[in-house]
C-alpha atoms as a PDB file:
ATOM      1  CA  MET A   1     -43.048  -7.608 -43.430  1.00  0.00           C
ATOM      2  CA  PHE A   2     -42.257  -5.279 -40.631  1.00  0.00           C
ATOM      3  CA  GLU A   3     -45.198  -2.746 -41.696  1.00  0.00           C
ATOM      4  CA  GLY A   4     -44.873   0.256 -39.708  1.00  0.00           C
ATOM      5  CA  PHE A   5     -41.045  -0.223 -39.011  1.00  0.00           C
ATOM      6  CA  ALA A   6     -38.412   2.161 -40.180  1.00  0.00           C
ATOM      7  CA  ASP A   7     -35.560   0.272 -42.516  1.00  0.00           C
ATOM      8  CA  GLU A   8     -32.348   2.186 -42.326  1.00  0.00           C
ATOM      9  CA  ARG A   9     -28.440   1.941 -42.322  1.00  0.00           C
ATOM     10  CA  ILE A  10     -26.366   3.092 -39.386  1.00  0.00           C
ATOM     11  CA  GLU A  11     -22.989   4.171 -40.175  1.00  0.00           C
ATOM     12  CA  LEU A  12     -20.284   3.099 -37.535  1.00  0.00           C
ATOM     13  CA  ALA A  13     -16.640   3.479 -37.354  1.00  0.00           C
ATOM     14  CA  GLU A  14     -15.767   0.030 -38.856  1.00  0.00           C
ATOM     15  CA  ALA A  15     -19.324  -1.084 -40.157  1.00  0.00           C
ATOM     16  CA  ALA A  16     -22.623   0.094 -41.435  1.00  0.00           C
ATOM     17  CA  ILE A  17     -25.528  -1.867 -40.109  1.00  0.00           C
ATOM     18  CA  ARG A  18     -28.973  -2.334 -41.604  1.00  0.00           C
ATOM     19  CA  VAL A  19     -31.422  -2.139 -38.623  1.00  0.00           C
ATOM     20  CA  ARG A  20     -35.204  -2.194 -38.541  1.00  0.00           C
ATOM     21  CA  HIS A  21     -37.113  -0.659 -35.682  1.00  0.00           C
ATOM     22  CA  GLY A  22     -40.399   0.347 -34.665  1.00  0.00           C
ATOM     23  CA  GLY A  23     -42.864   0.693 -31.675  1.00  0.00           C
ATOM     24  CA  GLU A  24     -42.550   2.593 -28.558  1.00  0.00           C
ATOM     25  CA  GLY A  25     -41.869   1.423 -24.838  1.00  0.00           C
ATOM     26  CA  PRO A  26     -39.030  -0.362 -23.439  1.00  0.00           C
ATOM     27  CA  ALA A  27     -36.494  -1.515 -25.948  1.00  0.00           C
ATOM     28  CA  ILE A  28     -35.967  -5.180 -27.173  1.00  0.00           C
ATOM     29  CA  VAL A  29     -32.840  -5.978 -29.412  1.00  0.00           C
ATOM     30  CA  LEU A  30     -33.210  -9.056 -31.425  1.00  0.00           C
ATOM     31  CA  LEU A  31     -30.260 -10.680 -32.971  1.00  0.00           C
ATOM     32  CA  HIS A  32     -30.641 -13.350 -35.475  1.00  0.00           C
ATOM     33  CA  GLY A  33     -28.529 -16.490 -36.442  1.00  0.00           C
ATOM     34  CA  HIS A  34     -26.736 -18.138 -39.365  1.00  0.00           C
ATOM     35  CA  PRO A  35     -27.677 -17.656 -42.156  1.00  0.00           C
ATOM     36  CA  ARG A  36     -30.670 -15.660 -41.471  1.00  0.00           C
ATOM     37  CA  THR A  37     -31.039 -11.593 -41.382  1.00  0.00           C
ATOM     38  CA  SER A  38     -33.173  -9.598 -39.408  1.00  0.00           C
ATOM     39  CA  ALA A  39     -36.108 -10.612 -41.319  1.00  0.00           C
ATOM     40  CA  THR A  40     -36.250 -13.874 -39.433  1.00  0.00           C
ATOM     41  CA  TRP A  41     -38.066 -12.014 -36.652  1.00  0.00           C
ATOM     42  CA  HIS A  42     -40.894 -10.675 -39.024  1.00  0.00           C
ATOM     43  CA  ARG A  43     -43.517 -12.985 -37.230  1.00  0.00           C
ATOM     44  CA  VAL A  44     -42.309 -12.036 -33.912  1.00  0.00           C
ATOM     45  CA  ALA A  45     -41.714  -8.243 -34.049  1.00  0.00           C
ATOM     46  CA  PRO A  46     -45.031  -6.961 -34.619  1.00  0.00           C
ATOM     47  CA  ARG A  47     -46.426  -9.002 -31.614  1.00  0.00           C
ATOM     48  CA  LEU A  48     -43.740  -7.425 -29.357  1.00  0.00           C
ATOM     49  CA  VAL A  49     -44.577  -4.063 -30.739  1.00  0.00           C
ATOM     50  CA  GLU A  50     -48.504  -4.710 -30.126  1.00  0.00           C
ATOM     51  CA  ALA A  51     -47.418  -5.635 -26.622  1.00  0.00           C
ATOM     52  CA  GLY A  52     -46.099  -2.139 -26.090  1.00  0.00           C
ATOM     53  CA  TYR A  53     -42.378  -2.656 -26.778  1.00  0.00           C
ATOM     54  CA  ARG A  54     -39.994  -0.998 -29.161  1.00  0.00           C
ATOM     55  CA  VAL A  55     -38.351  -3.414 -31.314  1.00  0.00           C
ATOM     56  CA  ILE A  56     -34.738  -2.869 -32.629  1.00  0.00           C
ATOM     57  CA  ALA A  57     -33.583  -5.802 -34.970  1.00  0.00           C
ATOM     58  CA  PRO A  58     -30.426  -5.217 -36.773  1.00  0.00           C
ATOM     59  CA  ASP A  59     -28.372  -7.517 -39.509  1.00  0.00           C
ATOM     60  CA  LEU A  60     -25.537  -8.703 -37.690  1.00  0.00           C
ATOM     61  CA  ARG A  61     -22.093  -7.174 -38.987  1.00  0.00           C
ATOM     62  CA  GLY A  62     -21.423  -8.626 -42.841  1.00  0.00           C
ATOM     63  CA  TYR A  63     -24.903 -10.474 -42.729  1.00  0.00           C
ATOM     64  CA  GLY A  64     -27.621  -9.567 -44.969  1.00  0.00           C
ATOM     65  CA  GLY A  65     -27.680  -5.501 -45.532  1.00  0.00           C
ATOM     66  CA  SER A  66     -24.969  -4.971 -42.841  1.00  0.00           C
ATOM     67  CA  THR A  67     -21.154  -4.364 -44.103  1.00  0.00           C
ATOM     68  CA  GLY A  68     -18.128  -4.535 -42.170  1.00  0.00           C
ATOM     69  CA  PRO A  69     -14.223  -4.450 -42.569  1.00  0.00           C
ATOM     70  CA  ALA A  70     -12.116  -6.920 -44.423  1.00  0.00           C
ATOM     71  CA  PRO A  71     -11.057 -10.368 -42.681  1.00  0.00           C
ATOM     72  CA  ALA A  72      -7.757 -10.433 -40.833  1.00  0.00           C
ATOM     73  CA  ALA A  73      -5.630 -13.139 -39.676  1.00  0.00           C
ATOM     74  CA  ASP A  74      -6.740 -13.072 -36.179  1.00  0.00           C
ATOM     75  CA  HIS A  75     -10.438 -12.858 -37.301  1.00  0.00           C
ATOM     76  CA  ALA A  76     -10.812  -9.978 -34.683  1.00  0.00           C
ATOM     77  CA  PRO A  77     -12.879  -7.889 -37.079  1.00  0.00           C
ATOM     78  CA  HIS A  78     -15.490 -10.737 -37.047  1.00  0.00           C
ATOM     79  CA  SER A  79     -15.358 -11.356 -33.152  1.00  0.00           C
ATOM     80  CA  LYS A  80     -18.239 -11.507 -31.234  1.00  0.00           C
ATOM     81  CA  ARG A  81     -16.829  -8.724 -28.985  1.00  0.00           C
ATOM     82  CA  ALA A  82     -16.535  -6.704 -32.294  1.00  0.00           C
ATOM     83  CA  VAL A  83     -19.990  -7.552 -33.415  1.00  0.00           C
ATOM     84  CA  ALA A  84     -21.437  -6.853 -29.792  1.00  0.00           C
ATOM     85  CA  GLY A  85     -19.896  -3.471 -29.813  1.00  0.00           C
ATOM     86  CA  ASP A  86     -21.805  -2.791 -33.427  1.00  0.00           C
ATOM     87  CA  MET A  87     -25.350  -3.705 -31.599  1.00  0.00           C
ATOM     88  CA  LEU A  88     -24.668  -1.638 -28.467  1.00  0.00           C
ATOM     89  CA  ALA A  89     -23.647   1.384 -30.899  1.00  0.00           C
ATOM     90  CA  VAL A  90     -26.771   0.999 -32.907  1.00  0.00           C
ATOM     91  CA  ALA A  91     -29.128   0.722 -29.677  1.00  0.00           C
ATOM     92  CA  ARG A  92     -27.331   3.839 -28.439  1.00  0.00           C
ATOM     93  CA  ARG A  93     -27.663   5.788 -31.767  1.00  0.00           C
ATOM     94  CA  LEU A  94     -31.587   4.867 -31.740  1.00  0.00           C
ATOM     95  CA  GLY A  95     -31.857   6.077 -28.167  1.00  0.00           C
ATOM     96  CA  ALA A  96     -31.844   2.702 -26.011  1.00  0.00           C
ATOM     97  CA  ASP A  97     -28.911   2.857 -23.566  1.00  0.00           C
ATOM     98  CA  ARG A  98     -30.616  -0.088 -21.692  1.00  0.00           C
ATOM     99  CA  PHE A  99     -32.570  -2.736 -23.200  1.00  0.00           C
ATOM    100  CA  HIS A 100     -33.818  -6.378 -23.048  1.00  0.00           C
ATOM    101  CA  LEU A 101     -31.388  -8.330 -25.442  1.00  0.00           C
ATOM    102  CA  VAL A 102     -32.481 -11.590 -27.500  1.00  0.00           C
ATOM    103  CA  GLY A 103     -30.045 -13.834 -29.443  1.00  0.00           C
ATOM    104  CA  HIS A 104     -30.498 -16.743 -31.563  1.00  0.00           C
ATOM    105  CA  ASP A 105     -28.016 -19.099 -32.766  1.00  0.00           C
ATOM    106  CA  ARG A 106     -25.023 -17.096 -33.771  1.00  0.00           C
ATOM    107  CA  GLY A 107     -26.746 -14.037 -32.315  1.00  0.00           C
ATOM    108  CA  SER A 108     -26.766 -15.766 -28.876  1.00  0.00           C
ATOM    109  CA  TYR A 109     -23.004 -15.555 -28.890  1.00  0.00           C
ATOM    110  CA  VAL A 110     -23.107 -11.992 -29.928  1.00  0.00           C
ATOM    111  CA  ALA A 111     -25.697 -11.446 -27.006  1.00  0.00           C
ATOM    112  CA  LEU A 112     -23.573 -13.313 -24.384  1.00  0.00           C
ATOM    113  CA  ARG A 113     -20.584 -11.117 -25.299  1.00  0.00           C
ATOM    114  CA  LEU A 114     -22.590  -8.194 -24.948  1.00  0.00           C
ATOM    115  CA  ALA A 115     -24.141  -8.808 -21.629  1.00  0.00           C
ATOM    116  CA  LEU A 116     -20.603 -10.074 -20.440  1.00  0.00           C
ATOM    117  CA  ASP A 117     -18.734  -6.753 -21.804  1.00  0.00           C
ATOM    118  CA  HIS A 118     -21.808  -4.269 -21.095  1.00  0.00           C
ATOM    119  CA  PRO A 119     -23.612  -5.569 -18.341  1.00  0.00           C
ATOM    120  CA  GLU A 120     -24.914  -1.936 -17.645  1.00  0.00           C
ATOM    121  CA  ALA A 121     -26.868  -2.162 -21.079  1.00  0.00           C
ATOM    122  CA  VAL A 122     -28.569  -5.361 -20.697  1.00  0.00           C
ATOM    123  CA  ASP A 123     -32.092  -5.567 -18.524  1.00  0.00           C
ATOM    124  CA  ARG A 124     -32.956  -9.222 -19.265  1.00  0.00           C
ATOM    125  CA  LEU A 125     -31.213 -11.658 -21.422  1.00  0.00           C
ATOM    126  CA  VAL A 126     -32.798 -14.438 -23.762  1.00  0.00           C
ATOM    127  CA  LEU A 127     -30.461 -16.940 -25.298  1.00  0.00           C
ATOM    128  CA  MET A 128     -32.187 -19.142 -28.017  1.00  0.00           C
ATOM    129  CA  ASP A 129     -30.568 -22.656 -29.339  1.00  0.00           C
ATOM    130  CA  GLY A 130     -27.102 -22.085 -27.761  1.00  0.00           C
ATOM    131  CA  ILE A 131     -24.526 -22.737 -25.299  1.00  0.00           C
ATOM    132  CA  PRO A 132     -21.371 -21.006 -24.849  1.00  0.00           C
ATOM    133  CA  ILE A 133     -18.554 -21.942 -27.550  1.00  0.00           C
ATOM    134  CA  THR A 134     -16.201 -23.266 -25.199  1.00  0.00           C
ATOM    135  CA  GLU A 135     -18.815 -25.345 -23.673  1.00  0.00           C
ATOM    136  CA  HIS A 136     -19.372 -27.063 -26.935  1.00  0.00           C
ATOM    137  CA  LEU A 137     -15.759 -27.680 -27.673  1.00  0.00           C
ATOM    138  CA  ALA A 138     -15.540 -29.141 -24.115  1.00  0.00           C
ATOM    139  CA  ARG A 139     -18.156 -31.602 -25.096  1.00  0.00           C
ATOM    140  CA  ALA A 140     -17.033 -32.123 -28.472  1.00  0.00           C
ATOM    141  CA  ASP A 141     -17.003 -35.836 -29.537  1.00  0.00           C
ATOM    142  CA  ALA A 142     -17.715 -37.673 -32.643  1.00  0.00           C
ATOM    143  CA  ARG A 143     -21.552 -37.270 -32.275  1.00  0.00           C
ATOM    144  CA  PHE A 144     -20.999 -33.438 -31.872  1.00  0.00           C
ATOM    145  CA  ALA A 145     -18.426 -33.423 -34.795  1.00  0.00           C
ATOM    146  CA  THR A 146     -21.007 -35.303 -37.101  1.00  0.00           C
ATOM    147  CA  ALA A 147     -23.887 -33.344 -36.333  1.00  0.00           C
ATOM    148  CA  TRP A 148     -22.347 -29.827 -36.389  1.00  0.00           C
ATOM    149  CA  TRP A 149     -19.678 -30.718 -38.841  1.00  0.00           C
ATOM    150  CA  HIS A 150     -20.431 -27.182 -40.367  1.00  0.00           C
ATOM    151  CA  TRP A 151     -18.369 -25.422 -37.418  1.00  0.00           C
ATOM    152  CA  PHE A 152     -15.273 -27.263 -38.633  1.00  0.00           C
ATOM    153  CA  PHE A 153     -15.711 -27.063 -42.507  1.00  0.00           C
ATOM    154  CA  PHE A 154     -16.630 -23.475 -42.091  1.00  0.00           C
ATOM    155  CA  ALA A 155     -13.382 -22.821 -40.169  1.00  0.00           C
ATOM    156  CA  GLN A 156     -11.095 -23.876 -43.097  1.00  0.00           C
ATOM    157  CA  PRO A 157      -9.324 -21.393 -45.020  1.00  0.00           C
ATOM    158  CA  GLU A 158     -10.891 -20.559 -48.542  1.00  0.00           C
ATOM    159  CA  ILE A 159     -12.301 -24.019 -49.165  1.00  0.00           C
ATOM    160  CA  PRO A 160     -15.966 -23.289 -47.873  1.00  0.00           C
ATOM    161  CA  GLU A 161     -15.970 -20.136 -49.981  1.00  0.00           C
ATOM    162  CA  ARG A 162     -15.137 -21.860 -53.224  1.00  0.00           C
ATOM    163  CA  VAL A 163     -17.515 -24.564 -52.566  1.00  0.00           C
ATOM    164  CA  ILE A 164     -20.502 -22.266 -51.208  1.00  0.00           C
ATOM    165  CA  THR A 165     -20.575 -19.591 -53.844  1.00  0.00           C
ATOM    166  CA  ALA A 166     -20.268 -21.962 -56.769  1.00  0.00           C
ATOM    167  CA  ASP A 167     -24.024 -22.335 -55.996  1.00  0.00           C
ATOM    168  CA  PRO A 168     -25.248 -20.502 -52.867  1.00  0.00           C
ATOM    169  CA  GLU A 169     -28.675 -20.676 -53.444  1.00  0.00           C
ATOM    170  CA  ALA A 170     -28.506 -24.758 -53.554  1.00  0.00           C
ATOM    171  CA  TRP A 171     -26.283 -24.625 -50.407  1.00  0.00           C
ATOM    172  CA  TYR A 172     -28.550 -22.513 -48.311  1.00  0.00           C
ATOM    173  CA  GLY A 173     -31.778 -23.207 -50.123  1.00  0.00           C
ATOM    174  CA  ALA A 174     -31.800 -26.952 -49.297  1.00  0.00           C
ATOM    175  CA  LYS A 175     -33.235 -26.087 -45.855  1.00  0.00           C
ATOM    176  CA  ALA A 176     -34.914 -22.811 -46.464  1.00  0.00           C
ATOM    177  CA  ASP A 177     -38.669 -23.460 -47.378  1.00  0.00           C
ATOM    178  CA  PRO A 178     -40.500 -20.165 -48.479  1.00  0.00           C
ATOM    179  CA  GLU A 179     -43.588 -21.299 -47.076  1.00  0.00           C
ATOM    180  CA  THR A 180     -42.307 -21.982 -43.554  1.00  0.00           C
ATOM    181  CA  MET A 181     -40.014 -18.840 -43.466  1.00  0.00           C
ATOM    182  CA  GLY A 182     -42.426 -16.409 -45.383  1.00  0.00           C
ATOM    183  CA  ALA A 183     -41.814 -15.532 -49.027  1.00  0.00           C
ATOM    184  CA  GLU A 184     -40.393 -12.269 -48.353  1.00  0.00           C
ATOM    185  CA  ASN A 185     -38.034 -13.481 -45.494  1.00  0.00           C
ATOM    186  CA  HIS A 186     -37.001 -16.211 -47.922  1.00  0.00           C
ATOM    187  CA  ALA A 187     -36.246 -13.899 -50.981  1.00  0.00           C
ATOM    188  CA  GLU A 188     -34.120 -11.788 -48.520  1.00  0.00           C
ATOM    189  CA  LEU A 189     -32.127 -14.650 -47.442  1.00  0.00           C
ATOM    190  CA  MET A 190     -31.514 -15.766 -51.074  1.00  0.00           C
ATOM    191  CA  ARG A 191     -30.564 -12.243 -52.268  1.00  0.00           C
ATOM    192  CA  ALA A 192     -27.770 -11.961 -49.337  1.00  0.00           C
ATOM    193  CA  VAL A 193     -26.447 -15.542 -49.865  1.00  0.00           C
ATOM    194  CA  ARG A 194     -25.794 -14.474 -53.477  1.00  0.00           C
ATOM    195  CA  ASP A 195     -23.268 -11.997 -52.436  1.00  0.00           C
ATOM    196  CA  PRO A 196     -19.650 -13.519 -51.819  1.00  0.00           C
ATOM    197  CA  ALA A 197     -18.962 -10.759 -49.517  1.00  0.00           C
ATOM    198  CA  VAL A 198     -21.718 -12.028 -47.302  1.00  0.00           C
ATOM    199  CA  VAL A 199     -20.803 -15.440 -47.606  1.00  0.00           C
ATOM    200  CA  ARG A 200     -17.302 -14.596 -46.594  1.00  0.00           C
ATOM    201  CA  ALA A 201     -18.193 -12.432 -43.628  1.00  0.00           C
ATOM    202  CA  MET A 202     -20.655 -15.467 -42.178  1.00  0.00           C
ATOM    203  CA  LEU A 203     -17.502 -17.872 -42.529  1.00  0.00           C
ATOM    204  CA  GLU A 204     -15.511 -15.558 -40.633  1.00  0.00           C
ATOM    205  CA  ASP A 205     -18.097 -15.425 -37.864  1.00  0.00           C
ATOM    206  CA  TYR A 206     -17.414 -19.077 -37.692  1.00  0.00           C
ATOM    207  CA  ARG A 207     -13.482 -18.824 -37.663  1.00  0.00           C
ATOM    208  CA  ALA A 208     -13.737 -16.209 -35.171  1.00  0.00           C
ATOM    209  CA  GLY A 209     -15.926 -18.594 -33.102  1.00  0.00           C
ATOM    210  CA  LEU A 210     -13.537 -21.112 -32.766  1.00  0.00           C
ATOM    211  CA  THR A 211     -10.248 -18.895 -32.208  1.00  0.00           C
ATOM    212  CA  ILE A 212     -10.613 -15.492 -30.833  1.00  0.00           C
ATOM    213  CA  ASP A 213     -14.080 -16.041 -29.331  1.00  0.00           C
ATOM    214  CA  ALA A 214     -13.222 -19.036 -27.533  1.00  0.00           C
ATOM    215  CA  ALA A 215     -10.358 -17.531 -26.095  1.00  0.00           C
ATOM    216  CA  HIS A 216     -12.277 -14.512 -24.763  1.00  0.00           C
ATOM    217  CA  GLU A 217     -14.714 -16.990 -23.176  1.00  0.00           C
ATOM    218  CA  ALA A 218     -12.188 -18.692 -21.518  1.00  0.00           C
ATOM    219  CA  ALA A 219     -10.700 -15.584 -20.096  1.00  0.00           C
ATOM    220  CA  ASP A 220     -14.177 -14.647 -18.676  1.00  0.00           C
ATOM    221  CA  ARG A 221     -14.186 -18.232 -17.161  1.00  0.00           C
ATOM    222  CA  ALA A 222     -10.796 -17.617 -15.407  1.00  0.00           C
ATOM    223  CA  ALA A 223     -11.418 -14.011 -14.294  1.00  0.00           C
ATOM    224  CA  GLY A 224     -14.858 -15.589 -12.771  1.00  0.00           C
ATOM    225  CA  ARG A 225     -17.076 -13.133 -14.796  1.00  0.00           C
ATOM    226  CA  ARG A 226     -20.463 -14.110 -14.943  1.00  0.00           C
ATOM    227  CA  ILE A 227     -23.692 -12.689 -16.595  1.00  0.00           C
ATOM    228  CA  GLU A 228     -25.380 -10.374 -14.272  1.00  0.00           C
ATOM    229  CA  ALA A 229     -28.805 -10.096 -15.935  1.00  0.00           C
ATOM    230  CA  PRO A 230     -31.538 -12.555 -15.433  1.00  0.00           C
ATOM    231  CA  LEU A 231     -31.500 -15.420 -18.396  1.00  0.00           C
ATOM    232  CA  LEU A 232     -34.166 -16.983 -20.178  1.00  0.00           C
ATOM    233  CA  LEU A 233     -33.151 -19.964 -22.361  1.00  0.00           C
ATOM    234  CA  LEU A 234     -35.279 -21.181 -25.179  1.00  0.00           C
ATOM    235  CA  TRP A 235     -34.381 -24.274 -27.305  1.00  0.00           C
ATOM    236  CA  SER A 236     -35.873 -26.111 -30.077  1.00  0.00           C
ATOM    237  CA  LEU A 237     -37.414 -29.408 -29.105  1.00  0.00           C
ATOM    238  CA  ARG A 238     -37.180 -30.448 -32.792  1.00  0.00           C
ATOM    239  CA  ASP A 239     -33.649 -29.791 -33.282  1.00  0.00           C
ATOM    240  CA  ASP A 240     -30.681 -31.515 -31.660  1.00  0.00           C
ATOM    241  CA  LEU A 241     -29.180 -29.242 -28.717  1.00  0.00           C
ATOM    242  CA  GLU A 242     -30.808 -31.098 -26.112  1.00  0.00           C
ATOM    243  CA  GLU A 243     -29.552 -34.313 -27.401  1.00  0.00           C
ATOM    244  CA  LEU A 244     -26.015 -33.436 -27.804  1.00  0.00           C
ATOM    245  CA  VAL A 245     -25.471 -31.608 -24.385  1.00  0.00           C
ATOM    246  CA  GLY A 246     -28.407 -32.511 -22.224  1.00  0.00           C
ATOM    247  CA  ASP A 247     -30.366 -29.844 -20.312  1.00  0.00           C
ATOM    248  CA  PRO A 248     -28.839 -26.353 -21.494  1.00  0.00           C
ATOM    249  CA  ARG A 249     -29.959 -24.813 -18.250  1.00  0.00           C
ATOM    250  CA  GLU A 250     -27.325 -26.901 -16.371  1.00  0.00           C
ATOM    251  CA  ILE A 251     -24.729 -25.516 -18.232  1.00  0.00           C
ATOM    252  CA  TRP A 252     -25.597 -22.075 -18.102  1.00  0.00           C
ATOM    253  CA  ARG A 253     -25.747 -22.152 -14.276  1.00  0.00           C
ATOM    254  CA  ALA A 254     -22.004 -22.212 -14.483  1.00  0.00           C
ATOM    255  CA  TRP A 255     -22.193 -18.662 -16.323  1.00  0.00           C
ATOM    256  CA  ALA A 256     -25.124 -16.926 -15.033  1.00  0.00           C
ATOM    257  CA  ASP A 257     -26.903 -16.776 -11.075  1.00  0.00           C
ATOM    258  CA  HIS A 258     -30.622 -16.395 -12.481  1.00  0.00           C
ATOM    259  CA  VAL A 259     -31.425 -18.669 -15.221  1.00  0.00           C
ATOM    260  CA  GLU A 260     -34.607 -20.363 -16.456  1.00  0.00           C
ATOM    261  CA  GLY A 261     -35.945 -21.617 -19.585  1.00  0.00           C
ATOM    262  CA  HIS A 262     -37.880 -24.310 -21.729  1.00  0.00           C
ATOM    263  CA  GLY A 263     -38.133 -25.944 -24.978  1.00  0.00           C
ATOM    264  CA  ILE A 264     -40.322 -24.564 -27.817  1.00  0.00           C
ATOM    265  CA  ASP A 265     -42.037 -27.031 -30.096  1.00  0.00           C
ATOM    266  CA  SER A 266     -40.266 -25.989 -33.453  1.00  0.00           C
ATOM    267  CA  GLY A 267     -37.261 -26.918 -35.365  1.00  0.00           C
ATOM    268  CA  HIS A 268     -34.205 -24.707 -35.346  1.00  0.00           C
ATOM    269  CA  HIS A 269     -35.724 -21.565 -36.508  1.00  0.00           C
ATOM    270  CA  GLN A 270     -37.989 -20.756 -33.662  1.00  0.00           C
ATOM    271  CA  ALA A 271     -38.961 -17.514 -34.848  1.00  0.00           C
ATOM    272  CA  GLU A 272     -40.361 -18.607 -37.999  1.00  0.00           C
ATOM    273  CA  GLU A 273     -41.577 -21.742 -36.985  1.00  0.00           C
ATOM    274  CA  ALA A 274     -43.399 -20.987 -33.449  1.00  0.00           C
ATOM    275  CA  PRO A 275     -43.583 -17.141 -33.546  1.00  0.00           C
ATOM    276  CA  ALA A 276     -46.413 -17.244 -31.075  1.00  0.00           C
ATOM    277  CA  ASP A 277     -44.703 -19.372 -28.557  1.00  0.00           C
ATOM    278  CA  VAL A 278     -41.737 -17.428 -29.100  1.00  0.00           C
ATOM    279  CA  ALA A 279     -43.290 -14.088 -28.610  1.00  0.00           C
ATOM    280  CA  SER A 280     -45.284 -15.308 -25.449  1.00  0.00           C
ATOM    281  CA  ALA A 281     -42.263 -16.277 -23.612  1.00  0.00           C
ATOM    282  CA  LEU A 282     -40.368 -13.145 -24.203  1.00  0.00           C
ATOM    283  CA  LEU A 283     -43.270 -11.036 -23.176  1.00  0.00           C
ATOM    284  CA  SER A 284     -43.628 -13.183 -20.151  1.00  0.00           C
ATOM    285  CA  PHE A 285     -40.110 -12.872 -19.317  1.00  0.00           C
ATOM    286  CA  VAL A 286     -39.335  -9.290 -20.023  1.00  0.00           C
ATOM    287  CA  GLY A 287     -42.580  -7.838 -18.399  1.00  0.00           C
ATOM    288  CA  ARG A 288     -41.507  -9.234 -14.875  1.00  0.00           C
ATOM    289  CA  ARG A 289     -40.270  -6.814 -12.378  1.00  0.00           C
END
């Protein structure tokens, strides 16, 4: 995977971030979701480099090869604001003060926070398979709780750690097919989830989501803060986001002035299952002026 890319760890004040980066040209920062690592982009990143872009693909704080601080009662060390700060610092260390930003799943919440907190850094924003946390919670009903039960299970203290670390490969491997993911990507995922510290950090991501992150989003709405960058939405046609919330573009228009997007014919992990379609959509969007 990632032939020709550098693979390094960048030491920050609170975290050490593993980042893959390669190519030359305008920078595109790719943020993965749960429970993946930056390896989820292994079929998309080379296409972006071939098209003349520089790709920066970090592991989020606590995920994969990145580490971070111990959890806290208020979950602030794993808030999207803290993780967005990591991502911005990594990009700047690599010489990218302004960049296109792509976030999938949990990475979409980090990308949203970065775009809201640091609009000067984000040229164009792409969010995949996500709407704001507060928008999900405002619509939460029995269908949502049944389909996305893991949000509420992961938020429980201690119980999910005991359940998942008892057999992490069974927990995370049930829906992780090596052929679909790619053998090296799958192996990297399995190595990561065997580490109890990684599992704990991923759960803290969800705990922060329902508490401090939701509070930050509510404060944004109360203050009238909006996404300044043009926004592209991509959602999986064979997943359940559209079924649960309707057209995500309509939801995001309350948060951003320039919204477009479309579905991708894939399951949830678009970058692995439909890399050509994802790369084509990204290149068409970021190449506009």
